[in-house]
Amino acid sequence: GESISYTDIFSEQGPVVLGQCGVY
């Protein structure tokens, strides 16, 4: 996935984000 911010993850809106182990 592209660079993911906390805004992308901590939201009830928007699609599921893609990330590797470091994001999790």
PDB file of all heavy atoms in Angstrom:
ATOM      1  N   GLY A   1       0.817  -1.196   0.000  1.00  0.00           N
ATOM      2  CA  GLY A   1       0.000   0.000   0.000  1.00  0.00           C
ATOM      3  C   GLY A   1       0.851   1.244   0.000  1.00  0.00           C
ATOM      4  O   GLY A   1       2.059   1.190   0.255  1.00  0.00           O
ATOM      5  N   GLU A   2       0.247   2.350  -0.293  1.00  0.00           N
ATOM      6  CA  GLU A   2       0.957   3.610  -0.213  1.00  0.00           C
ATOM      7  C   GLU A   2       1.161   3.979   1.251  1.00  0.00           C
ATOM      8  O   GLU A   2       0.697   3.296   2.155  1.00  0.00           O
ATOM      9  CB  GLU A   2       0.159   4.692  -0.945  1.00  0.00           C
ATOM     10  CG  GLU A   2      -0.030   4.421  -2.437  1.00  0.00           C
ATOM     11  CD  GLU A   2      -0.812   5.520  -3.116  1.00  0.00           C
ATOM     12  OE1 GLU A   2      -1.204   6.475  -2.424  1.00  0.00           O
ATOM     13  OE2 GLU A   2      -1.031   5.411  -4.329  1.00  0.00           O
ATOM     14  N   SER A   3       1.836   5.090   1.461  1.00  0.00           N
ATOM     15  CA  SER A   3       2.062   5.549   2.827  1.00  0.00           C
ATOM     16  C   SER A   3       0.728   5.732   3.526  1.00  0.00           C
ATOM     17  O   SER A   3      -0.172   6.428   3.025  1.00  0.00           O
ATOM     18  CB  SER A   3       2.833   6.866   2.806  1.00  0.00           C
ATOM     19  OG  SER A   3       3.006   7.346   4.116  1.00  0.00           O
ATOM     20  N   ILE A   4       0.585   5.102   4.672  1.00  0.00           N
ATOM     21  CA  ILE A   4      -0.690   5.105   5.386  1.00  0.00           C
ATOM     22  C   ILE A   4      -0.552   5.925   6.655  1.00  0.00           C
ATOM     23  O   ILE A   4       0.397   5.744   7.426  1.00  0.00           O
ATOM     24  CB  ILE A   4      -1.119   3.671   5.730  1.00  0.00           C
ATOM     25  CG1 ILE A   4      -1.270   2.859   4.447  1.00  0.00           C
ATOM     26  CG2 ILE A   4      -2.418   3.666   6.517  1.00  0.00           C
ATOM     27  CD1 ILE A   4      -1.492   1.389   4.694  1.00  0.00           C
ATOM     28  N   SER A   5      -1.483   6.817   6.898  1.00  0.00           N
ATOM     29  CA  SER A   5      -1.467   7.625   8.113  1.00  0.00           C
ATOM     30  C   SER A   5      -2.484   7.070   9.105  1.00  0.00           C
ATOM     31  O   SER A   5      -3.330   6.237   8.762  1.00  0.00           O
ATOM     32  CB  SER A   5      -1.788   9.085   7.786  1.00  0.00           C
ATOM     33  OG  SER A   5      -3.153   9.226   7.463  1.00  0.00           O
ATOM     34  N   TYR A   6      -2.411   7.581  10.330  1.00  0.00           N
ATOM     35  CA  TYR A   6      -3.387   7.160  11.330  1.00  0.00           C
ATOM     36  C   TYR A   6      -4.793   7.586  10.939  1.00  0.00           C
ATOM     37  O   TYR A   6      -5.778   6.953  11.318  1.00  0.00           O
ATOM     38  CB  TYR A   6      -3.018   7.742  12.691  1.00  0.00           C
ATOM     39  CG  TYR A   6      -1.811   7.082  13.309  1.00  0.00           C
ATOM     40  CD1 TYR A   6      -0.682   7.815  13.628  1.00  0.00           C
ATOM     41  CD2 TYR A   6      -1.798   5.718  13.567  1.00  0.00           C
ATOM     42  CE1 TYR A   6       0.431   7.216  14.186  1.00  0.00           C
ATOM     43  CE2 TYR A   6      -0.692   5.092  14.125  1.00  0.00           C
ATOM     44  CZ  TYR A   6       0.422   5.855  14.431  1.00  0.00           C
ATOM     45  OH  TYR A   6       1.519   5.252  14.970  1.00  0.00           O
ATOM     46  N   THR A   7      -4.919   8.666  10.159  1.00  0.00           N
ATOM     47  CA  THR A   7      -6.236   9.095   9.694  1.00  0.00           C
ATOM     48  C   THR A   7      -6.892   8.017   8.841  1.00  0.00           C
ATOM     49  O   THR A   7      -8.112   7.792   8.903  1.00  0.00           O
ATOM     50  CB  THR A   7      -6.113  10.396   8.880  1.00  0.00           C
ATOM     51  OG1 THR A   7      -5.524  11.413   9.688  1.00  0.00           O
ATOM     52  CG2 THR A   7      -7.487  10.873   8.421  1.00  0.00           C
ATOM     53  N   ASP A   8      -6.069   7.326   8.025  1.00  0.00           N
ATOM     54  CA  ASP A   8      -6.610   6.264   7.178  1.00  0.00           C
ATOM     55  C   ASP A   8      -7.116   5.083   8.006  1.00  0.00           C
ATOM     56  O   ASP A   8      -8.145   4.475   7.679  1.00  0.00           O
ATOM     57  CB  ASP A   8      -5.529   5.766   6.212  1.00  0.00           C
ATOM     58  CG  ASP A   8      -5.036   6.857   5.288  1.00  0.00           C
ATOM     59  OD1 ASP A   8      -5.874   7.630   4.804  1.00  0.00           O
ATOM     60  OD2 ASP A   8      -3.815   6.935   5.068  1.00  0.00           O
ATOM     61  N   ILE A   9      -6.389   4.760   9.070  1.00  0.00           N
ATOM     62  CA  ILE A   9      -6.720   3.560   9.860  1.00  0.00           C
ATOM     63  C   ILE A   9      -7.823   3.841  10.866  1.00  0.00           C
ATOM     64  O   ILE A   9      -8.791   3.083  10.971  1.00  0.00           O
ATOM     65  CB  ILE A   9      -5.464   3.045  10.586  1.00  0.00           C
ATOM     66  CG1 ILE A   9      -4.372   2.689   9.584  1.00  0.00           C
ATOM     67  CG2 ILE A   9      -5.806   1.847  11.459  1.00  0.00           C
ATOM     68  CD1 ILE A   9      -3.046   2.354  10.221  1.00  0.00           C
ATOM     69  N   PHE A  10      -7.683   4.936  11.613  1.00  0.00           N
ATOM     70  CA  PHE A  10      -8.606   5.206  12.701  1.00  0.00           C
ATOM     71  C   PHE A  10      -9.776   6.050  12.200  1.00  0.00           C
ATOM     72  O   PHE A  10      -9.900   7.238  12.478  1.00  0.00           O
ATOM     73  CB  PHE A  10      -7.880   5.896  13.854  1.00  0.00           C
ATOM     74  CG  PHE A  10      -6.717   5.099  14.365  1.00  0.00           C
ATOM     75  CD1 PHE A  10      -5.474   5.678  14.533  1.00  0.00           C
ATOM     76  CD2 PHE A  10      -6.864   3.756  14.669  1.00  0.00           C
ATOM     77  CE1 PHE A  10      -4.402   4.941  14.999  1.00  0.00           C
ATOM     78  CE2 PHE A  10      -5.795   3.007  15.125  1.00  0.00           C
ATOM     79  CZ  PHE A  10      -4.565   3.597  15.291  1.00  0.00           C
ATOM     80  N   SER A  11     -10.625   5.397  11.461  1.00  0.00           N
ATOM     81  CA  SER A  11     -11.790   6.054  10.887  1.00  0.00           C
ATOM     82  C   SER A  11     -12.842   4.994  10.585  1.00  0.00           C
ATOM     83  O   SER A  11     -12.512   3.875  10.194  1.00  0.00           O
ATOM     84  CB  SER A  11     -11.418   6.801   9.599  1.00  0.00           C
ATOM     85  OG  SER A  11     -12.563   7.255   8.932  1.00  0.00           O
ATOM     86  N   GLU A  12     -14.093   5.359  10.778  1.00  0.00           N
ATOM     87  CA  GLU A  12     -15.160   4.425  10.439  1.00  0.00           C
ATOM     88  C   GLU A  12     -15.601   4.617   8.997  1.00  0.00           C
ATOM     89  O   GLU A  12     -16.436   3.872   8.488  1.00  0.00           O
ATOM     90  CB  GLU A  12     -16.348   4.624  11.383  1.00  0.00           C
ATOM     91  CG  GLU A  12     -16.045   4.164  12.801  1.00  0.00           C
ATOM     92  CD  GLU A  12     -17.283   4.085  13.658  1.00  0.00           C
ATOM     93  OE1 GLU A  12     -17.769   5.142  14.080  1.00  0.00           O
ATOM     94  OE2 GLU A  12     -17.764   2.960  13.890  1.00  0.00           O
ATOM     95  N   GLN A  13     -15.066   5.635   8.364  1.00  0.00           N
ATOM     96  CA  GLN A  13     -15.401   5.915   6.986  1.00  0.00           C
ATOM     97  C   GLN A  13     -14.285   5.396   6.073  1.00  0.00           C
ATOM     98  O   GLN A  13     -13.161   5.170   6.488  1.00  0.00           O
ATOM     99  CB  GLN A  13     -15.564   7.426   6.786  1.00  0.00           C
ATOM    100  CG  GLN A  13     -16.559   8.064   7.736  1.00  0.00           C
ATOM    101  CD  GLN A  13     -17.957   7.511   7.593  1.00  0.00           C
ATOM    102  OE1 GLN A  13     -18.399   7.239   6.465  1.00  0.00           O
ATOM    103  NE2 GLN A  13     -18.662   7.334   8.708  1.00  0.00           N
ATOM    104  N   GLY A  14     -14.588   5.221   4.821  1.00  0.00           N
ATOM    105  CA  GLY A  14     -13.569   4.881   3.856  1.00  0.00           C
ATOM    106  C   GLY A  14     -13.316   3.395   3.755  1.00  0.00           C
ATOM    107  O   GLY A  14     -13.762   2.590   4.571  1.00  0.00           O
ATOM    108  N   PRO A  15     -12.554   3.011   2.737  1.00  0.00           N
ATOM    109  CA  PRO A  15     -12.294   1.588   2.482  1.00  0.00           C
ATOM    110  C   PRO A  15     -11.251   1.027   3.443  1.00  0.00           C
ATOM    111  O   PRO A  15     -10.537   1.765   4.124  1.00  0.00           O
ATOM    112  CB  PRO A  15     -11.757   1.604   1.042  1.00  0.00           C
ATOM    113  CG  PRO A  15     -11.081   2.948   0.928  1.00  0.00           C
ATOM    114  CD  PRO A  15     -11.930   3.891   1.728  1.00  0.00           C
ATOM    115  N   VAL A  16     -11.168  -0.286   3.466  1.00  0.00           N
ATOM    116  CA  VAL A  16     -10.102  -0.959   4.208  1.00  0.00           C
ATOM    117  C   VAL A  16      -8.766  -0.561   3.590  1.00  0.00           C
ATOM    118  O   VAL A  16      -8.633  -0.459   2.366  1.00  0.00           O
ATOM    119  CB  VAL A  16     -10.294  -2.486   4.140  1.00  0.00           C
ATOM    120  CG1 VAL A  16      -9.088  -3.207   4.720  1.00  0.00           C
ATOM    121  CG2 VAL A  16     -11.570  -2.890   4.861  1.00  0.00           C
ATOM    122  N   VAL A  17      -7.768  -0.311   4.437  1.00  0.00           N
ATOM    123  CA  VAL A  17      -6.458   0.119   3.943  1.00  0.00           C
ATOM    124  C   VAL A  17      -5.543  -1.085   3.779  1.00  0.00           C
ATOM    125  O   VAL A  17      -5.736  -2.127   4.413  1.00  0.00           O
ATOM    126  CB  VAL A  17      -5.813   1.146   4.899  1.00  0.00           C
ATOM    127  CG1 VAL A  17      -6.676   2.386   5.007  1.00  0.00           C
ATOM    128  CG2 VAL A  17      -5.569   0.533   6.275  1.00  0.00           C
ATOM    129  N   LEU A  18      -4.560  -0.943   2.896  1.00  0.00           N
ATOM    130  CA  LEU A  18      -3.569  -1.993   2.675  1.00  0.00           C
ATOM    131  C   LEU A  18      -2.282  -1.650   3.400  1.00  0.00           C
ATOM    132  O   LEU A  18      -1.856  -0.494   3.441  1.00  0.00           O
ATOM    133  CB  LEU A  18      -3.291  -2.159   1.186  1.00  0.00           C
ATOM    134  CG  LEU A  18      -4.453  -2.604   0.311  1.00  0.00           C
ATOM    135  CD1 LEU A  18      -3.996  -2.694  -1.145  1.00  0.00           C
ATOM    136  CD2 LEU A  18      -5.020  -3.933   0.783  1.00  0.00           C
ATOM    137  N   GLY A  19      -1.656  -2.666   3.973  1.00  0.00           N
ATOM    138  CA  GLY A  19      -0.386  -2.431   4.649  1.00  0.00           C
ATOM    139  C   GLY A  19       0.331  -3.723   4.952  1.00  0.00           C
ATOM    140  O   GLY A  19      -0.295  -4.791   5.032  1.00  0.00           O
ATOM    141  N   GLN A  20       1.633  -3.623   5.129  1.00  0.00           N
ATOM    142  CA  GLN A  20       2.421  -4.791   5.512  1.00  0.00           C
ATOM    143  C   GLN A  20       2.539  -4.855   7.033  1.00  0.00           C
ATOM    144  O   GLN A  20       1.895  -4.090   7.755  1.00  0.00           O
ATOM    145  CB  GLN A  20       3.782  -4.732   4.820  1.00  0.00           C
ATOM    146  CG  GLN A  20       3.682  -4.861   3.308  1.00  0.00           C
ATOM    147  CD  GLN A  20       5.027  -4.840   2.613  1.00  0.00           C
ATOM    148  OE1 GLN A  20       5.873  -3.989   2.904  1.00  0.00           O
ATOM    149  NE2 GLN A  20       5.230  -5.761   1.693  1.00  0.00           N
ATOM    150  N   CYS A  21       3.397  -5.737   7.530  1.00  0.00           N
ATOM    151  CA  CYS A  21       3.439  -6.008   8.962  1.00  0.00           C
ATOM    152  C   CYS A  21       3.717  -4.766   9.801  1.00  0.00           C
ATOM    153  O   CYS A  21       3.197  -4.604  10.910  1.00  0.00           O
ATOM    154  CB  CYS A  21       4.465  -7.094   9.269  1.00  0.00           C
ATOM    155  SG  CYS A  21       6.148  -6.725   8.725  1.00  0.00           S
ATOM    156  N   GLY A  22       4.561  -3.845   9.273  1.00  0.00           N
ATOM    157  CA  GLY A  22       4.883  -2.645  10.035  1.00  0.00           C
ATOM    158  C   GLY A  22       3.671  -1.786  10.317  1.00  0.00           C
ATOM    159  O   GLY A  22       3.595  -1.129  11.370  1.00  0.00           O
ATOM    160  N   VAL A  23       2.702  -1.763   9.394  1.00  0.00           N
ATOM    161  CA  VAL A  23       1.480  -0.991   9.600  1.00  0.00           C
ATOM    162  C   VAL A  23       0.652  -1.600  10.716  1.00  0.00           C
ATOM    163  O   VAL A  23       0.160  -0.899  11.610  1.00  0.00           O
ATOM    164  CB  VAL A  23       0.668  -0.926   8.289  1.00  0.00           C
ATOM    165  CG1 VAL A  23      -0.690  -0.262   8.529  1.00  0.00           C
ATOM    166  CG2 VAL A  23       1.447  -0.182   7.219  1.00  0.00           C
ATOM    167  N   TYR A  24       0.476  -2.922  10.685  1.00  0.00           N
ATOM    168  CA  TYR A  24      -0.252  -3.603  11.756  1.00  0.00           C
ATOM    169  C   TYR A  24       0.410  -3.346  13.117  1.00  0.00           C
ATOM    170  O   TYR A  24      -0.264  -3.036  14.095  1.00  0.00           O
ATOM    171  CB  TYR A  24      -0.278  -5.113  11.501  1.00  0.00           C
ATOM    172  CG  TYR A  24      -1.159  -5.596  10.382  1.00  0.00           C
ATOM    173  CD1 TYR A  24      -0.663  -5.749   9.093  1.00  0.00           C
ATOM    174  CD2 TYR A  24      -2.483  -5.951  10.609  1.00  0.00           C
ATOM    175  CE1 TYR A  24      -1.453  -6.234   8.061  1.00  0.00           C
ATOM    176  CE2 TYR A  24      -3.291  -6.440   9.581  1.00  0.00           C
ATOM    177  CZ  TYR A  24      -2.767  -6.577   8.309  1.00  0.00           C
ATOM    178  OH  TYR A  24      -3.553  -7.052   7.305  1.00  0.00           O
TER     179      TYR A  24
END
